[in-house]
């Protein structure tokens, strides 16, 4: 084969690769989702289902306390979606002009009291949390689960048999304030604390045999709401909207229910809450 023919063949191959390779690359899209720590298990299960339904898509999650994620967004961190554990931190992102459109509530959650399965402090009611020597772990200020915990304490302070003295004694027994809700559940599961407040969805299979979850009465509990929204500079806004649509779909809601969240569908069955006063 002559040098001229060989050169033409190599040139043709190079041109063929040049025109074909980008077509495949352009079909690949990455969706970056900032999500509250309590969504970890549910969202990790949603990931392959959404990617399969949207070929060429890769979903990447950044999990953390909603307060931390909102601060990162306000500082310009790139993301396509923000899924917060409360409206307050979504408002922080909105005030920073990082949110496009109106956030949509896709899930609800409830506080529960968790104790080690061995229950060394013999805790059976909320009142037991003020006994001398009880070690309580809660989330740090501004973390959504801490906001809900503080609201519960304020309600208890106005409840007969509790009062301001209860709140003061409770806070005196707090030995640690964690950066996010998963760190709270981990400390209790490891036996490093006698009790902690987390979401019902945080009692996951990996700690289910290590903790006991005690429900909190509706009278002093708060129904947590989870809003999600597309960011103002998302590289893939249509894909981001499809992800939020999936969360609100029948399949998405069933999966969230599986992980102990509550559905935003009005006719979904309510979760009964026993009294542990």
C-alpha atoms as a PDB file:
ATOM      1  CA  UNK A   1       0.000   0.000   0.000  1.00  0.00           C
ATOM      2  CA  UNK A   2       1.368   3.404  -0.977  1.00  0.00           C
ATOM      3  CA  UNK A   3       2.115   6.086   1.602  1.00  0.00           C
ATOM      4  CA  UNK A   4      -0.585   8.299   0.004  1.00  0.00           C
ATOM      5  CA  UNK A   5      -3.297   5.605   0.398  1.00  0.00           C
ATOM      6  CA  UNK A   6      -2.227   4.895   3.979  1.00  0.00           C
ATOM      7  CA  UNK A   7      -2.420   8.588   4.831  1.00  0.00           C
ATOM      8  CA  UNK A   8      -5.921   8.855   3.354  1.00  0.00           C
ATOM      9  CA  UNK A   9      -7.091   5.827   5.343  1.00  0.00           C
ATOM     10  CA  UNK A  10      -5.721   7.249   8.586  1.00  0.00           C
ATOM     11  CA  UNK A  11      -7.327  10.612   7.853  1.00  0.00           C
ATOM     12  CA  UNK A  12     -10.689   8.958   7.159  1.00  0.00           C
ATOM     13  CA  UNK A  13     -10.513   7.001  10.408  1.00  0.00           C
ATOM     14  CA  UNK A  14      -9.664  10.134  12.365  1.00  0.00           C
ATOM     15  CA  UNK A  15     -12.577  12.033  10.838  1.00  0.00           C
ATOM     16  CA  UNK A  16     -14.945   9.136  11.535  1.00  0.00           C
ATOM     17  CA  UNK A  17     -13.898   9.108  15.211  1.00  0.00           C
ATOM     18  CA  UNK A  18     -14.196  12.886  15.431  1.00  0.00           C
ATOM     19  CA  UNK A  19     -17.775  12.911  14.190  1.00  0.00           C
ATOM     20  CA  UNK A  20     -18.961   9.835  16.074  1.00  0.00           C
ATOM     21  CA  UNK A  21     -17.351  10.249  19.512  1.00  0.00           C
ATOM     22  CA  UNK A  22     -18.939  13.591  20.505  1.00  0.00           C
ATOM     23  CA  UNK A  23     -22.403  12.289  19.654  1.00  0.00           C
ATOM     24  CA  UNK A  24     -22.073   9.693  22.407  1.00  0.00           C
ATOM     25  CA  UNK A  25     -20.521  12.166  24.861  1.00  0.00           C
ATOM     26  CA  UNK A  26     -23.267  14.710  24.369  1.00  0.00           C
ATOM     27  CA  UNK A  27     -25.819  12.103  25.381  1.00  0.00           C
ATOM     28  CA  UNK A  28     -24.277  11.781  28.836  1.00  0.00           C
ATOM     29  CA  UNK A  29     -25.621  14.166  31.475  1.00  0.00           C
ATOM     30  CA  UNK A  30     -24.692  14.492  35.132  1.00  0.00           C
ATOM     31  CA  UNK A  31     -27.330  15.562  37.629  1.00  0.00           C
ATOM     32  CA  UNK A  32     -25.926  16.917  40.892  1.00  0.00           C
ATOM     33  CA  UNK A  33     -28.366  16.701  43.798  1.00  0.00           C
ATOM     34  CA  UNK A  34     -27.769  18.383  47.156  1.00  0.00           C
ATOM     35  CA  UNK A  35     -29.864  16.342  49.595  1.00  0.00           C
ATOM     36  CA  UNK A  36     -30.523  16.205  53.340  1.00  0.00           C
ATOM     37  CA  UNK A  37     -28.709  13.358  55.129  1.00  0.00           C
ATOM     38  CA  UNK A  38     -31.989  11.700  56.085  1.00  0.00           C
ATOM     39  CA  UNK A  39     -32.694  11.087  52.375  1.00  0.00           C
ATOM     40  CA  UNK A  40     -29.551   8.995  51.857  1.00  0.00           C
ATOM     41  CA  UNK A  41     -31.068   5.505  51.698  1.00  0.00           C
ATOM     42  CA  UNK A  42     -34.177   6.447  49.742  1.00  0.00           C
ATOM     43  CA  UNK A  43     -32.267   8.515  47.191  1.00  0.00           C
ATOM     44  CA  UNK A  44     -29.579   5.864  46.760  1.00  0.00           C
ATOM     45  CA  UNK A  45     -32.323   3.425  45.777  1.00  0.00           C
ATOM     46  CA  UNK A  46     -33.925   5.976  43.451  1.00  0.00           C
ATOM     47  CA  UNK A  47     -30.619   6.619  41.638  1.00  0.00           C
ATOM     48  CA  UNK A  48     -30.439   3.460  39.432  1.00  0.00           C
ATOM     49  CA  UNK A  49     -34.174   3.578  38.711  1.00  0.00           C
ATOM     50  CA  UNK A  50     -33.998   7.177  37.490  1.00  0.00           C
ATOM     51  CA  UNK A  51     -30.817   6.546  35.512  1.00  0.00           C
ATOM     52  CA  UNK A  52     -32.418   3.550  33.797  1.00  0.00           C
ATOM     53  CA  UNK A  53     -35.473   5.627  32.884  1.00  0.00           C
ATOM     54  CA  UNK A  54     -33.191   8.384  31.560  1.00  0.00           C
ATOM     55  CA  UNK A  55     -30.403   6.701  29.540  1.00  0.00           C
ATOM     56  CA  UNK A  56     -27.109   8.568  29.526  1.00  0.00           C
ATOM     57  CA  UNK A  57     -27.822  10.176  32.900  1.00  0.00           C
ATOM     58  CA  UNK A  58     -25.620   9.919  35.980  1.00  0.00           C
ATOM     59  CA  UNK A  59     -27.051  11.148  39.280  1.00  0.00           C
ATOM     60  CA  UNK A  60     -24.519  12.346  41.853  1.00  0.00           C
ATOM     61  CA  UNK A  61     -25.601  13.067  45.431  1.00  0.00           C
ATOM     62  CA  UNK A  62     -24.026  15.392  47.955  1.00  0.00           C
ATOM     63  CA  UNK A  63     -25.524  14.536  51.344  1.00  0.00           C
ATOM     64  CA  UNK A  64     -25.300  16.664  54.460  1.00  0.00           C
ATOM     65  CA  UNK A  65     -27.209  18.793  56.916  1.00  0.00           C
ATOM     66  CA  UNK A  66     -29.641  20.989  54.993  1.00  0.00           C
ATOM     67  CA  UNK A  67     -28.173  24.037  56.736  1.00  0.00           C
ATOM     68  CA  UNK A  68     -24.696  23.163  55.450  1.00  0.00           C
ATOM     69  CA  UNK A  69     -25.953  22.504  51.931  1.00  0.00           C
ATOM     70  CA  UNK A  70     -27.921  25.765  51.870  1.00  0.00           C
ATOM     71  CA  UNK A  71     -24.799  27.667  52.946  1.00  0.00           C
ATOM     72  CA  UNK A  72     -22.763  25.973  50.218  1.00  0.00           C
ATOM     73  CA  UNK A  73     -25.363  26.930  47.630  1.00  0.00           C
ATOM     74  CA  UNK A  74     -25.363  30.519  48.874  1.00  0.00           C
ATOM     75  CA  UNK A  75     -21.591  30.536  48.410  1.00  0.00           C
ATOM     76  CA  UNK A  76     -21.957  29.425  44.801  1.00  0.00           C
ATOM     77  CA  UNK A  77     -21.492  25.648  44.974  1.00  0.00           C
ATOM     78  CA  UNK A  78     -22.677  24.035  41.700  1.00  0.00           C
ATOM     79  CA  UNK A  79     -25.767  21.819  41.870  1.00  0.00           C
ATOM     80  CA  UNK A  80     -28.879  21.051  39.859  1.00  0.00           C
ATOM     81  CA  UNK A  81     -31.319  20.259  42.697  1.00  0.00           C
ATOM     82  CA  UNK A  82     -31.645  21.102  46.374  1.00  0.00           C
ATOM     83  CA  UNK A  83     -33.722  18.683  48.471  1.00  0.00           C
ATOM     84  CA  UNK A  84     -34.027  20.110  51.974  1.00  0.00           C
ATOM     85  CA  UNK A  85     -35.372  18.632  55.204  1.00  0.00           C
ATOM     86  CA  UNK A  86     -37.267  21.824  55.969  1.00  0.00           C
ATOM     87  CA  UNK A  87     -38.577  25.011  54.393  1.00  0.00           C
ATOM     88  CA  UNK A  88     -36.286  27.221  56.476  1.00  0.00           C
ATOM     89  CA  UNK A  89     -33.101  26.086  54.734  1.00  0.00           C
ATOM     90  CA  UNK A  90     -34.803  26.175  51.348  1.00  0.00           C
ATOM     91  CA  UNK A  91     -35.560  29.830  52.113  1.00  0.00           C
ATOM     92  CA  UNK A  92     -31.842  30.414  52.767  1.00  0.00           C
ATOM     93  CA  UNK A  93     -31.086  29.160  49.253  1.00  0.00           C
ATOM     94  CA  UNK A  94     -33.941  31.221  47.826  1.00  0.00           C
ATOM     95  CA  UNK A  95     -32.730  34.376  49.559  1.00  0.00           C
ATOM     96  CA  UNK A  96     -29.328  33.768  47.981  1.00  0.00           C
ATOM     97  CA  UNK A  97     -31.044  33.677  44.550  1.00  0.00           C
ATOM     98  CA  UNK A  98     -29.989  30.065  43.959  1.00  0.00           C
ATOM     99  CA  UNK A  99     -33.462  28.591  43.439  1.00  0.00           C
ATOM    100  CA  UNK A 100     -35.501  28.698  40.226  1.00  0.00           C
ATOM    101  CA  UNK A 101     -39.275  28.479  40.432  1.00  0.00           C
ATOM    102  CA  UNK A 102     -41.328  27.277  43.369  1.00  0.00           C
ATOM    103  CA  UNK A 103     -40.059  24.462  45.634  1.00  0.00           C
ATOM    104  CA  UNK A 104     -42.290  21.375  45.744  1.00  0.00           C
ATOM    105  CA  UNK A 105     -42.887  19.330  48.893  1.00  0.00           C
ATOM    106  CA  UNK A 106     -42.216  15.676  48.042  1.00  0.00           C
ATOM    107  CA  UNK A 107     -42.122  13.947  51.452  1.00  0.00           C
ATOM    108  CA  UNK A 108     -42.961  14.265  55.124  1.00  0.00           C
ATOM    109  CA  UNK A 109     -41.266  12.842  58.193  1.00  0.00           C
ATOM    110  CA  UNK A 110     -41.615  12.598  61.969  1.00  0.00           C
ATOM    111  CA  UNK A 111     -39.311  12.779  64.941  1.00  0.00           C
ATOM    112  CA  UNK A 112     -38.714   9.625  66.958  1.00  0.00           C
ATOM    113  CA  UNK A 113     -36.741   9.016  70.121  1.00  0.00           C
ATOM    114  CA  UNK A 114     -34.136   6.291  69.694  1.00  0.00           C
ATOM    115  CA  UNK A 115     -32.337   4.403  72.457  1.00  0.00           C
ATOM    116  CA  UNK A 116     -29.751   1.592  72.342  1.00  0.00           C
ATOM    117  CA  UNK A 117     -31.356  -1.832  72.210  1.00  0.00           C
ATOM    118  CA  UNK A 118     -29.744  -2.604  75.591  1.00  0.00           C
ATOM    119  CA  UNK A 119     -31.382   0.553  77.028  1.00  0.00           C
ATOM    120  CA  UNK A 120     -28.853   1.058  79.848  1.00  0.00           C
ATOM    121  CA  UNK A 121     -30.609   4.202  81.116  1.00  0.00           C
ATOM    122  CA  UNK A 122     -33.978   2.401  81.298  1.00  0.00           C
ATOM    123  CA  UNK A 123     -35.783   4.978  79.170  1.00  0.00           C
ATOM    124  CA  UNK A 124     -39.426   4.281  78.410  1.00  0.00           C
ATOM    125  CA  UNK A 125     -40.988   7.744  78.258  1.00  0.00           C
ATOM    126  CA  UNK A 126     -39.992  11.296  77.421  1.00  0.00           C
ATOM    127  CA  UNK A 127     -39.918  12.100  81.141  1.00  0.00           C
ATOM    128  CA  UNK A 128     -37.113   9.575  81.664  1.00  0.00           C
ATOM    129  CA  UNK A 129     -34.795  11.793  79.613  1.00  0.00           C
ATOM    130  CA  UNK A 130     -34.356  14.164  82.549  1.00  0.00           C
ATOM    131  CA  UNK A 131     -33.088  11.517  84.976  1.00  0.00           C
ATOM    132  CA  UNK A 132     -29.652  12.197  86.413  1.00  0.00           C
ATOM    133  CA  UNK A 133     -26.845  10.741  84.310  1.00  0.00           C
ATOM    134  CA  UNK A 134     -28.836  10.223  81.095  1.00  0.00           C
ATOM    135  CA  UNK A 135     -26.715  11.051  78.046  1.00  0.00           C
ATOM    136  CA  UNK A 136     -28.703  12.681  75.220  1.00  0.00           C
ATOM    137  CA  UNK A 137     -27.344  13.446  71.762  1.00  0.00           C
ATOM    138  CA  UNK A 138     -29.096  15.880  69.418  1.00  0.00           C
ATOM    139  CA  UNK A 139     -28.230  17.710  66.205  1.00  0.00           C
ATOM    140  CA  UNK A 140     -26.454  21.059  66.174  1.00  0.00           C
ATOM    141  CA  UNK A 141     -28.351  24.357  65.925  1.00  0.00           C
ATOM    142  CA  UNK A 142     -29.759  25.221  62.453  1.00  0.00           C
ATOM    143  CA  UNK A 143     -29.810  21.561  61.373  1.00  0.00           C
ATOM    144  CA  UNK A 144     -33.494  20.892  60.515  1.00  0.00           C
ATOM    145  CA  UNK A 145     -33.889  17.935  62.894  1.00  0.00           C
ATOM    146  CA  UNK A 146     -32.632  20.220  65.676  1.00  0.00           C
ATOM    147  CA  UNK A 147     -35.270  22.802  64.760  1.00  0.00           C
ATOM    148  CA  UNK A 148     -37.928  20.103  65.110  1.00  0.00           C
ATOM    149  CA  UNK A 149     -36.404  18.927  68.396  1.00  0.00           C
ATOM    150  CA  UNK A 150     -36.439  22.471  69.792  1.00  0.00           C
ATOM    151  CA  UNK A 151     -40.069  22.857  68.723  1.00  0.00           C
ATOM    152  CA  UNK A 152     -40.912  19.634  70.569  1.00  0.00           C
ATOM    153  CA  UNK A 153     -39.191  20.923  73.724  1.00  0.00           C
ATOM    154  CA  UNK A 154     -41.085  24.221  73.507  1.00  0.00           C
ATOM    155  CA  UNK A 155     -44.361  22.299  73.247  1.00  0.00           C
ATOM    156  CA  UNK A 156     -43.428  20.109  76.202  1.00  0.00           C
ATOM    157  CA  UNK A 157     -42.596  23.215  78.237  1.00  0.00           C
ATOM    158  CA  UNK A 158     -46.252  24.213  77.810  1.00  0.00           C
ATOM    159  CA  UNK A 159     -47.589  20.741  78.628  1.00  0.00           C
ATOM    160  CA  UNK A 160     -48.920  19.829  82.064  1.00  0.00           C
ATOM    161  CA  UNK A 161     -46.458  17.688  83.967  1.00  0.00           C
ATOM    162  CA  UNK A 162     -43.451  18.967  82.020  1.00  0.00           C
ATOM    163  CA  UNK A 163     -42.949  22.750  81.994  1.00  0.00           C
ATOM    164  CA  UNK A 164     -39.815  24.879  81.741  1.00  0.00           C
ATOM    165  CA  UNK A 165     -38.099  22.735  84.385  1.00  0.00           C
ATOM    166  CA  UNK A 166     -38.293  19.739  82.074  1.00  0.00           C
ATOM    167  CA  UNK A 167     -36.719  21.646  79.194  1.00  0.00           C
ATOM    168  CA  UNK A 168     -33.864  22.866  81.407  1.00  0.00           C
ATOM    169  CA  UNK A 169     -33.177  19.385  82.782  1.00  0.00           C
ATOM    170  CA  UNK A 170     -33.320  17.893  79.275  1.00  0.00           C
ATOM    171  CA  UNK A 171     -30.758  20.357  77.911  1.00  0.00           C
ATOM    172  CA  UNK A 172     -28.522  19.736  80.915  1.00  0.00           C
ATOM    173  CA  UNK A 173     -28.340  16.069  79.877  1.00  0.00           C
ATOM    174  CA  UNK A 174     -27.294  16.850  76.307  1.00  0.00           C
ATOM    175  CA  UNK A 175     -23.718  15.596  75.896  1.00  0.00           C
ATOM    176  CA  UNK A 176     -23.237  16.117  72.164  1.00  0.00           C
ATOM    177  CA  UNK A 177     -24.577  18.197  69.261  1.00  0.00           C
ATOM    178  CA  UNK A 178     -23.933  16.535  65.917  1.00  0.00           C
ATOM    179  CA  UNK A 179     -23.433  18.044  62.448  1.00  0.00           C
ATOM    180  CA  UNK A 180     -26.288  16.042  60.902  1.00  0.00           C
ATOM    181  CA  UNK A 181     -29.023  13.603  61.824  1.00  0.00           C
ATOM    182  CA  UNK A 182     -27.143  10.486  60.666  1.00  0.00           C
ATOM    183  CA  UNK A 183     -24.377  11.233  63.148  1.00  0.00           C
ATOM    184  CA  UNK A 184     -26.983  11.341  65.919  1.00  0.00           C
ATOM    185  CA  UNK A 185     -28.358   7.920  64.981  1.00  0.00           C
ATOM    186  CA  UNK A 186     -24.829   6.500  64.674  1.00  0.00           C
ATOM    187  CA  UNK A 187     -23.851   7.589  68.196  1.00  0.00           C
ATOM    188  CA  UNK A 188     -26.933   5.991  69.729  1.00  0.00           C
ATOM    189  CA  UNK A 189     -26.481   2.806  67.678  1.00  0.00           C
ATOM    190  CA  UNK A 190     -22.875   2.569  68.890  1.00  0.00           C
ATOM    191  CA  UNK A 191     -23.984   2.972  72.503  1.00  0.00           C
ATOM    192  CA  UNK A 192     -22.186   6.297  72.911  1.00  0.00           C
ATOM    193  CA  UNK A 193     -25.411   7.934  74.103  1.00  0.00           C
ATOM    194  CA  UNK A 194     -28.519   6.803  75.964  1.00  0.00           C
ATOM    195  CA  UNK A 195     -30.969   8.576  73.685  1.00  0.00           C
ATOM    196  CA  UNK A 196     -31.215  10.748  70.599  1.00  0.00           C
ATOM    197  CA  UNK A 197     -33.796  12.410  68.391  1.00  0.00           C
ATOM    198  CA  UNK A 198     -33.846  11.517  64.697  1.00  0.00           C
ATOM    199  CA  UNK A 199     -36.390  11.101  61.923  1.00  0.00           C
ATOM    200  CA  UNK A 200     -38.371   7.902  61.620  1.00  0.00           C
ATOM    201  CA  UNK A 201     -36.618   7.340  58.266  1.00  0.00           C
ATOM    202  CA  UNK A 202     -33.233   7.259  60.036  1.00  0.00           C
ATOM    203  CA  UNK A 203     -34.028   3.936  61.694  1.00  0.00           C
ATOM    204  CA  UNK A 204     -32.563   2.082  58.735  1.00  0.00           C
ATOM    205  CA  UNK A 205     -31.819  -1.658  58.301  1.00  0.00           C
ATOM    206  CA  UNK A 206     -28.153  -1.173  59.247  1.00  0.00           C
ATOM    207  CA  UNK A 207     -29.079   0.031  62.760  1.00  0.00           C
ATOM    208  CA  UNK A 208     -32.504  -1.568  63.144  1.00  0.00           C
ATOM    209  CA  UNK A 209     -31.167  -4.297  65.437  1.00  0.00           C
ATOM    210  CA  UNK A 210     -29.103  -1.840  67.456  1.00  0.00           C
ATOM    211  CA  UNK A 211     -31.741   0.703  68.493  1.00  0.00           C
ATOM    212  CA  UNK A 212     -35.317   0.921  69.706  1.00  0.00           C
ATOM    213  CA  UNK A 213     -37.451   3.693  68.235  1.00  0.00           C
ATOM    214  CA  UNK A 214     -40.059   5.250  70.512  1.00  0.00           C
ATOM    215  CA  UNK A 215     -42.726   7.343  68.749  1.00  0.00           C
ATOM    216  CA  UNK A 216     -43.428  10.880  69.918  1.00  0.00           C
ATOM    217  CA  UNK A 217     -47.079  11.895  70.408  1.00  0.00           C
ATOM    218  CA  UNK A 218     -48.544  14.115  67.712  1.00  0.00           C
ATOM    219  CA  UNK A 219     -49.443  16.703  70.361  1.00  0.00           C
ATOM    220  CA  UNK A 220     -45.773  17.617  70.776  1.00  0.00           C
ATOM    221  CA  UNK A 221     -44.302  16.277  67.541  1.00  0.00           C
ATOM    222  CA  UNK A 222     -43.829  18.242  64.326  1.00  0.00           C
ATOM    223  CA  UNK A 223     -44.514  16.910  60.862  1.00  0.00           C
ATOM    224  CA  UNK A 224     -41.336  17.620  58.923  1.00  0.00           C
ATOM    225  CA  UNK A 225     -41.789  18.650  55.293  1.00  0.00           C
ATOM    226  CA  UNK A 226     -39.191  18.126  52.564  1.00  0.00           C
ATOM    227  CA  UNK A 227     -39.141  20.602  49.665  1.00  0.00           C
ATOM    228  CA  UNK A 228     -37.097  20.157  46.479  1.00  0.00           C
ATOM    229  CA  UNK A 229     -36.281  22.698  43.805  1.00  0.00           C
ATOM    230  CA  UNK A 230     -34.166  23.210  40.694  1.00  0.00           C
ATOM    231  CA  UNK A 231     -31.270  25.621  41.115  1.00  0.00           C
ATOM    232  CA  UNK A 232     -31.074  28.878  39.207  1.00  0.00           C
ATOM    233  CA  UNK A 233     -28.064  27.831  37.124  1.00  0.00           C
ATOM    234  CA  UNK A 234     -28.690  24.114  36.628  1.00  0.00           C
ATOM    235  CA  UNK A 235     -26.875  22.747  33.586  1.00  0.00           C
ATOM    236  CA  UNK A 236     -29.783  20.324  33.027  1.00  0.00           C
ATOM    237  CA  UNK A 237     -32.994  22.033  34.241  1.00  0.00           C
ATOM    238  CA  UNK A 238     -35.359  19.748  32.315  1.00  0.00           C
ATOM    239  CA  UNK A 239     -33.677  16.648  33.689  1.00  0.00           C
ATOM    240  CA  UNK A 240     -33.738  18.164  37.184  1.00  0.00           C
ATOM    241  CA  UNK A 241     -37.479  18.775  36.892  1.00  0.00           C
ATOM    242  CA  UNK A 242     -37.957  15.159  35.782  1.00  0.00           C
ATOM    243  CA  UNK A 243     -36.150  13.981  38.911  1.00  0.00           C
ATOM    244  CA  UNK A 244     -38.482  15.991  41.145  1.00  0.00           C
ATOM    245  CA  UNK A 245     -41.460  14.728  39.126  1.00  0.00           C
ATOM    246  CA  UNK A 246     -40.269  11.185  39.838  1.00  0.00           C
ATOM    247  CA  UNK A 247     -40.156  11.897  43.573  1.00  0.00           C
ATOM    248  CA  UNK A 248     -43.803  12.953  43.373  1.00  0.00           C
ATOM    249  CA  UNK A 249     -44.865  10.066  41.145  1.00  0.00           C
ATOM    250  CA  UNK A 250     -46.639   6.987  42.477  1.00  0.00           C
ATOM    251  CA  UNK A 251     -43.446   4.940  42.222  1.00  0.00           C
ATOM    252  CA  UNK A 252     -41.399   7.642  43.925  1.00  0.00           C
ATOM    253  CA  UNK A 253     -43.866   7.980  46.784  1.00  0.00           C
ATOM    254  CA  UNK A 254     -43.982   4.204  47.302  1.00  0.00           C
ATOM    255  CA  UNK A 255     -40.208   4.104  47.558  1.00  0.00           C
ATOM    256  CA  UNK A 256     -40.150   6.967  50.068  1.00  0.00           C
ATOM    257  CA  UNK A 257     -42.809   5.167  52.115  1.00  0.00           C
ATOM    258  CA  UNK A 258     -40.602   2.068  52.077  1.00  0.00           C
ATOM    259  CA  UNK A 259     -37.902   4.113  53.820  1.00  0.00           C
ATOM    260  CA  UNK A 260     -40.331   5.347  56.497  1.00  0.00           C
ATOM    261  CA  UNK A 261     -41.121   8.755  55.066  1.00  0.00           C
ATOM    262  CA  UNK A 262     -44.753   9.844  54.849  1.00  0.00           C
ATOM    263  CA  UNK A 263     -46.419  10.433  51.535  1.00  0.00           C
ATOM    264  CA  UNK A 264     -47.570  13.835  50.338  1.00  0.00           C
ATOM    265  CA  UNK A 265     -50.514  12.135  48.628  1.00  0.00           C
ATOM    266  CA  UNK A 266     -53.615  13.152  50.569  1.00  0.00           C
ATOM    267  CA  UNK A 267     -55.280   9.742  50.605  1.00  0.00           C
ATOM    268  CA  UNK A 268     -52.162   7.914  51.842  1.00  0.00           C
ATOM    269  CA  UNK A 269     -52.751   6.108  55.160  1.00  0.00           C
ATOM    270  CA  UNK A 270     -51.664   8.038  58.235  1.00  0.00           C
ATOM    271  CA  UNK A 271     -49.126   6.528  60.619  1.00  0.00           C
ATOM    272  CA  UNK A 272     -50.643   5.886  64.069  1.00  0.00           C
ATOM    273  CA  UNK A 273     -48.650   7.377  66.927  1.00  0.00           C
ATOM    274  CA  UNK A 274     -48.862   5.727  70.373  1.00  0.00           C
ATOM    275  CA  UNK A 275     -48.598   7.872  73.460  1.00  0.00           C
ATOM    276  CA  UNK A 276     -45.287   7.677  75.343  1.00  0.00           C
ATOM    277  CA  UNK A 277     -45.846  10.504  77.778  1.00  0.00           C
END
